[in-house]
Amino acid sequence: MATIEDFMKLDIRVGTIIDAELNKKAKKPAYKLKIDFGKDLGIKTSSAQITEVYKQEQLLNKQVICVVNFPPRQVADVMSEVLVLGTESKQGIVLLRTDEKVENGDKIS
């Protein structure tokens, strides 16, 4: 069982997708995302398997919630620096988002 201390180790932040393109070399369909986390964290890259629900153009300027303190992970030819969070729903991965626009880099608590 996870503890509150385990949860507190995660650095979960809000960022805005500023670029999205197909990650053509990924084993499973995915997008390469560039996400702006504000001046403290800057722009990070992620590979996200969200192609079943989202078209490329729908992702631009969407705010998303990401874990930003996992080690980078190589996904095909993309170095994924953050983990974009979503639900595993019957239609595919649905992104977790805030219901109001907030500052890039805001911490989830």
N, C-alpha and C. Protein backbone atom coordinates (compact mmCIF):
# COMPACT_ATOMS: atom_id res chain seq x y z
N MET A 1 0.84 -1.18 0.00
CA MET A 1 0.00 0.00 0.00
C MET A 1 0.89 1.24 0.00
N ALA A 2 0.53 2.20 -0.80
CA ALA A 2 1.26 3.47 -0.85
C ALA A 2 0.91 4.33 0.36
N THR A 3 1.85 5.15 0.77
CA THR A 3 1.62 6.06 1.89
C THR A 3 1.57 7.50 1.39
N ILE A 4 1.14 8.40 2.25
CA ILE A 4 1.13 9.82 1.90
C ILE A 4 2.55 10.29 1.63
N GLU A 5 3.53 9.71 2.33
CA GLU A 5 4.93 10.06 2.10
C GLU A 5 5.36 9.68 0.68
N ASP A 6 4.87 8.53 0.18
CA ASP A 6 5.16 8.13 -1.20
C ASP A 6 4.59 9.16 -2.17
N PHE A 7 3.36 9.57 -1.95
CA PHE A 7 2.72 10.55 -2.82
C PHE A 7 3.48 11.88 -2.80
N MET A 8 3.93 12.29 -1.63
CA MET A 8 4.62 13.57 -1.49
C MET A 8 5.97 13.60 -2.22
N LYS A 9 6.52 12.44 -2.56
CA LYS A 9 7.77 12.37 -3.32
C LYS A 9 7.56 12.78 -4.78
N LEU A 10 6.31 12.67 -5.26
CA LEU A 10 6.03 13.01 -6.66
C LEU A 10 5.92 14.52 -6.83
N ASP A 11 6.51 15.02 -7.91
CA ASP A 11 6.38 16.43 -8.27
C ASP A 11 5.44 16.46 -9.48
N ILE A 12 4.19 16.82 -9.23
CA ILE A 12 3.16 16.81 -10.26
C ILE A 12 2.80 18.26 -10.57
N ARG A 13 2.92 18.63 -11.85
CA ARG A 13 2.74 20.03 -12.25
C ARG A 13 1.80 20.16 -13.44
N VAL A 14 1.33 21.38 -13.64
CA VAL A 14 0.51 21.73 -14.80
C VAL A 14 1.41 22.37 -15.85
N GLY A 15 1.21 21.97 -17.09
CA GLY A 15 1.94 22.56 -18.20
C GLY A 15 1.03 22.71 -19.41
N THR A 16 1.45 23.50 -20.38
CA THR A 16 0.67 23.73 -21.60
C THR A 16 1.40 23.11 -22.78
N ILE A 17 0.67 22.32 -23.56
CA ILE A 17 1.25 21.71 -24.76
C ILE A 17 1.45 22.80 -25.81
N ILE A 18 2.71 22.95 -26.25
CA ILE A 18 3.01 23.98 -27.24
C ILE A 18 3.35 23.39 -28.61
N ASP A 19 3.55 22.06 -28.65
CA ASP A 19 3.82 21.40 -29.93
C ASP A 19 3.45 19.93 -29.79
N ALA A 20 2.88 19.38 -30.86
CA ALA A 20 2.52 17.96 -30.88
C ALA A 20 2.78 17.42 -32.28
N GLU A 21 3.49 16.30 -32.34
CA GLU A 21 3.71 15.64 -33.63
C GLU A 21 3.72 14.13 -33.39
N LEU A 22 3.45 13.36 -34.42
CA LEU A 22 3.46 11.91 -34.28
C LEU A 22 4.86 11.42 -33.92
N ASN A 23 4.92 10.51 -32.98
CA ASN A 23 6.17 9.81 -32.67
C ASN A 23 6.17 8.57 -33.56
N LYS A 24 6.63 8.73 -34.78
CA LYS A 24 6.50 7.71 -35.82
C LYS A 24 7.25 6.43 -35.51
N LYS A 25 8.29 6.48 -34.69
CA LYS A 25 9.08 5.29 -34.41
C LYS A 25 8.63 4.54 -33.15
N ALA A 26 7.63 5.05 -32.45
CA ALA A 26 7.13 4.37 -31.24
C ALA A 26 6.45 3.06 -31.63
N LYS A 27 6.58 2.04 -30.77
CA LYS A 27 5.95 0.74 -31.04
C LYS A 27 4.43 0.86 -31.07
N LYS A 28 3.87 1.64 -30.15
CA LYS A 28 2.44 1.90 -30.11
C LYS A 28 2.24 3.35 -30.54
N PRO A 29 1.14 3.66 -31.24
CA PRO A 29 0.92 5.04 -31.69
C PRO A 29 1.02 6.03 -30.53
N ALA A 30 1.78 7.10 -30.77
CA ALA A 30 2.01 8.10 -29.71
C ALA A 30 2.33 9.44 -30.36
N TYR A 31 2.17 10.50 -29.54
CA TYR A 31 2.57 11.83 -29.94
C TYR A 31 3.82 12.23 -29.16
N LYS A 32 4.69 12.97 -29.83
CA LYS A 32 5.80 13.65 -29.16
C LYS A 32 5.27 15.02 -28.80
N LEU A 33 5.23 15.32 -27.51
CA LEU A 33 4.69 16.59 -27.03
C LEU A 33 5.81 17.46 -26.47
N LYS A 34 5.72 18.75 -26.72
CA LYS A 34 6.55 19.74 -26.02
C LYS A 34 5.60 20.49 -25.10
N ILE A 35 5.97 20.51 -23.82
CA ILE A 35 5.08 21.07 -22.79
C ILE A 35 5.82 22.16 -22.04
N ASP A 36 5.17 23.32 -21.93
CA ASP A 36 5.75 24.48 -21.24
C ASP A 36 5.31 24.45 -19.78
N PHE A 37 6.30 24.36 -18.87
CA PHE A 37 6.03 24.35 -17.44
C PHE A 37 6.44 25.66 -16.76
N GLY A 38 6.58 26.73 -17.54
CA GLY A 38 6.91 28.02 -16.96
C GLY A 38 8.40 28.22 -16.77
N LYS A 39 8.74 29.37 -16.19
CA LYS A 39 10.15 29.77 -16.13
C LYS A 39 11.03 28.88 -15.25
N ASP A 40 10.47 28.29 -14.20
CA ASP A 40 11.30 27.46 -13.31
C ASP A 40 11.71 26.13 -13.94
N LEU A 41 10.79 25.47 -14.63
CA LEU A 41 11.07 24.16 -15.22
C LEU A 41 11.32 24.21 -16.72
N GLY A 42 10.78 25.22 -17.38
CA GLY A 42 10.99 25.36 -18.82
C GLY A 42 10.14 24.41 -19.64
N ILE A 43 10.64 24.10 -20.83
CA ILE A 43 9.92 23.24 -21.77
C ILE A 43 10.48 21.83 -21.67
N LYS A 44 9.58 20.86 -21.53
CA LYS A 44 9.95 19.45 -21.42
C LYS A 44 9.27 18.67 -22.54
N THR A 45 9.84 17.51 -22.86
CA THR A 45 9.32 16.65 -23.93
C THR A 45 8.71 15.39 -23.31
N SER A 46 7.64 14.91 -23.94
CA SER A 46 7.03 13.66 -23.51
C SER A 46 6.53 12.90 -24.72
N SER A 47 6.53 11.58 -24.63
CA SER A 47 5.88 10.73 -25.62
C SER A 47 4.63 10.19 -24.94
N ALA A 48 3.47 10.46 -25.54
CA ALA A 48 2.20 10.09 -24.90
C ALA A 48 1.32 9.28 -25.86
N GLN A 49 0.83 8.15 -25.38
CA GLN A 49 -0.03 7.28 -26.17
C GLN A 49 -1.48 7.73 -26.05
N ILE A 50 -1.78 8.85 -26.69
CA ILE A 50 -3.12 9.45 -26.58
C ILE A 50 -3.76 9.64 -27.96
N THR A 51 -3.29 8.88 -28.95
CA THR A 51 -3.75 9.07 -30.32
C THR A 51 -5.17 8.57 -30.56
N GLU A 52 -5.69 7.67 -29.72
CA GLU A 52 -7.04 7.15 -29.92
C GLU A 52 -8.10 8.22 -29.66
N VAL A 53 -7.83 9.12 -28.74
CA VAL A 53 -8.82 10.11 -28.33
C VAL A 53 -8.57 11.49 -28.94
N TYR A 54 -7.29 11.84 -29.13
CA TYR A 54 -6.94 13.21 -29.52
C TYR A 54 -6.28 13.27 -30.89
N LYS A 55 -6.70 14.25 -31.67
CA LYS A 55 -6.02 14.59 -32.91
C LYS A 55 -4.92 15.59 -32.56
N GLN A 56 -3.90 15.62 -33.38
CA GLN A 56 -2.74 16.48 -33.15
C GLN A 56 -3.15 17.93 -32.88
N GLU A 57 -4.01 18.48 -33.71
CA GLU A 57 -4.40 19.88 -33.59
C GLU A 57 -5.22 20.17 -32.34
N GLN A 58 -5.86 19.16 -31.76
CA GLN A 58 -6.64 19.35 -30.54
C GLN A 58 -5.75 19.57 -29.32
N LEU A 59 -4.51 19.16 -29.41
CA LEU A 59 -3.62 19.18 -28.25
C LEU A 59 -2.96 20.53 -28.01
N LEU A 60 -2.79 21.31 -29.06
CA LEU A 60 -2.10 22.59 -28.91
C LEU A 60 -2.83 23.50 -27.93
N ASN A 61 -2.06 24.07 -27.01
CA ASN A 61 -2.55 25.01 -25.99
C ASN A 61 -3.42 24.36 -24.91
N LYS A 62 -3.48 23.03 -24.88
CA LYS A 62 -4.20 22.33 -23.81
C LYS A 62 -3.30 22.25 -22.59
N GLN A 63 -3.86 22.55 -21.43
CA GLN A 63 -3.10 22.35 -20.20
C GLN A 63 -3.26 20.90 -19.76
N VAL A 64 -2.15 20.30 -19.32
CA VAL A 64 -2.14 18.90 -18.89
C VAL A 64 -1.44 18.80 -17.54
N ILE A 65 -1.63 17.66 -16.91
CA ILE A 65 -1.03 17.40 -15.61
C ILE A 65 0.02 16.31 -15.80
N CYS A 66 1.23 16.56 -15.27
CA CYS A 66 2.36 15.66 -15.52
C CYS A 66 3.19 15.44 -14.27
N VAL A 67 3.76 14.25 -14.15
CA VAL A 67 4.80 13.99 -13.16
C VAL A 67 6.10 14.45 -13.80
N VAL A 68 6.80 15.37 -13.11
CA VAL A 68 8.00 15.96 -13.70
C VAL A 68 9.31 15.50 -13.06
N ASN A 69 9.24 14.61 -12.05
CA ASN A 69 10.48 14.21 -11.40
C ASN A 69 10.81 12.72 -11.53
N PHE A 70 10.27 12.05 -12.56
CA PHE A 70 10.74 10.72 -12.90
C PHE A 70 12.00 10.86 -13.75
N PRO A 71 12.87 9.86 -13.76
CA PRO A 71 14.04 9.94 -14.65
C PRO A 71 13.59 9.94 -16.12
N PRO A 72 14.31 10.62 -17.00
CA PRO A 72 13.96 10.58 -18.43
C PRO A 72 13.98 9.15 -18.94
N ARG A 73 13.11 8.90 -19.93
CA ARG A 73 12.98 7.55 -20.48
C ARG A 73 12.98 7.62 -22.00
N GLN A 74 13.79 6.79 -22.62
CA GLN A 74 13.85 6.75 -24.08
C GLN A 74 12.64 6.00 -24.62
N VAL A 75 11.85 6.66 -25.49
CA VAL A 75 10.71 6.05 -26.16
C VAL A 75 10.95 6.23 -27.66
N ALA A 76 11.37 5.15 -28.30
CA ALA A 76 11.78 5.22 -29.71
C ALA A 76 12.87 6.28 -29.84
N ASP A 77 12.65 7.31 -30.67
CA ASP A 77 13.69 8.33 -30.83
C ASP A 77 13.41 9.58 -29.99
N VAL A 78 12.53 9.47 -29.00
CA VAL A 78 12.17 10.61 -28.14
C VAL A 78 12.65 10.34 -26.72
N MET A 79 13.35 11.33 -26.12
CA MET A 79 13.70 11.25 -24.71
C MET A 79 12.53 11.87 -23.94
N SER A 80 11.71 11.01 -23.32
CA SER A 80 10.53 11.47 -22.60
C SER A 80 10.94 11.92 -21.20
N GLU A 81 10.77 13.22 -20.92
CA GLU A 81 11.25 13.81 -19.67
C GLU A 81 10.17 13.89 -18.59
N VAL A 82 8.90 13.83 -19.00
CA VAL A 82 7.79 13.92 -18.05
C VAL A 82 6.74 12.89 -18.41
N LEU A 83 5.93 12.49 -17.43
CA LEU A 83 4.84 11.55 -17.65
C LEU A 83 3.52 12.32 -17.63
N VAL A 84 2.85 12.34 -18.78
CA VAL A 84 1.55 12.99 -18.90
C VAL A 84 0.51 12.06 -18.29
N LEU A 85 -0.34 12.58 -17.40
CA LEU A 85 -1.31 11.74 -16.71
C LEU A 85 -2.66 11.73 -17.41
N GLY A 86 -3.29 10.56 -17.39
CA GLY A 86 -4.61 10.41 -17.98
C GLY A 86 -5.30 9.19 -17.41
N THR A 87 -6.56 9.03 -17.76
CA THR A 87 -7.32 7.87 -17.33
C THR A 87 -7.30 6.81 -18.42
N GLU A 88 -7.28 5.55 -18.02
CA GLU A 88 -7.40 4.45 -18.98
C GLU A 88 -8.89 4.18 -19.14
N SER A 89 -9.50 4.83 -20.11
CA SER A 89 -10.93 4.75 -20.33
C SER A 89 -11.24 3.86 -21.53
N LYS A 90 -12.51 3.49 -21.68
CA LYS A 90 -12.87 2.58 -22.77
C LYS A 90 -12.55 3.18 -24.14
N GLN A 91 -12.58 4.51 -24.28
CA GLN A 91 -12.27 5.15 -25.56
C GLN A 91 -10.78 5.36 -25.77
N GLY A 92 -9.96 5.09 -24.76
CA GLY A 92 -8.52 5.30 -24.82
C GLY A 92 -8.08 6.17 -23.66
N ILE A 93 -6.85 6.65 -23.71
CA ILE A 93 -6.32 7.50 -22.64
C ILE A 93 -6.94 8.89 -22.75
N VAL A 94 -7.58 9.33 -21.67
CA VAL A 94 -8.17 10.67 -21.60
C VAL A 94 -7.31 11.49 -20.63
N LEU A 95 -6.84 12.63 -21.09
CA LEU A 95 -5.94 13.47 -20.30
C LEU A 95 -6.61 14.03 -19.05
N LEU A 96 -5.82 14.09 -17.96
CA LEU A 96 -6.25 14.80 -16.76
C LEU A 96 -5.95 16.27 -16.98
N ARG A 97 -6.91 17.13 -16.62
CA ARG A 97 -6.75 18.57 -16.84
C ARG A 97 -7.41 19.32 -15.70
N THR A 98 -7.05 20.59 -15.56
CA THR A 98 -7.72 21.45 -14.60
C THR A 98 -9.02 21.96 -15.22
N ASP A 99 -9.97 22.35 -14.40
CA ASP A 99 -11.22 22.88 -14.97
C ASP A 99 -11.13 24.39 -15.20
N GLU A 100 -10.05 25.00 -14.74
CA GLU A 100 -9.79 26.42 -15.04
C GLU A 100 -8.33 26.56 -15.44
N LYS A 101 -8.05 27.57 -16.25
CA LYS A 101 -6.68 27.83 -16.66
C LYS A 101 -5.88 28.30 -15.45
N VAL A 102 -4.68 27.73 -15.30
CA VAL A 102 -3.78 28.09 -14.19
C VAL A 102 -2.40 28.39 -14.77
N GLU A 103 -1.49 28.82 -13.92
CA GLU A 103 -0.14 29.13 -14.36
C GLU A 103 0.62 27.86 -14.70
N ASN A 104 1.40 27.91 -15.79
CA ASN A 104 2.29 26.78 -16.10
C ASN A 104 3.26 26.60 -14.96
N GLY A 105 3.44 25.36 -14.55
CA GLY A 105 4.35 25.05 -13.45
C GLY A 105 3.65 24.95 -12.11
N ASP A 106 2.36 25.32 -12.03
CA ASP A 106 1.66 25.17 -10.76
C ASP A 106 1.74 23.73 -10.30
N LYS A 107 1.95 23.55 -9.00
CA LYS A 107 2.14 22.23 -8.41
C LYS A 107 0.79 21.66 -7.97
N ILE A 108 0.60 20.38 -8.25
CA ILE A 108 -0.59 19.66 -7.79
C ILE A 108 -0.32 19.23 -6.35
N SER A 109 -1.28 19.49 -5.49
CA SER A 109 -1.10 19.10 -4.08
C SER A 109 -2.36 18.43 -3.56
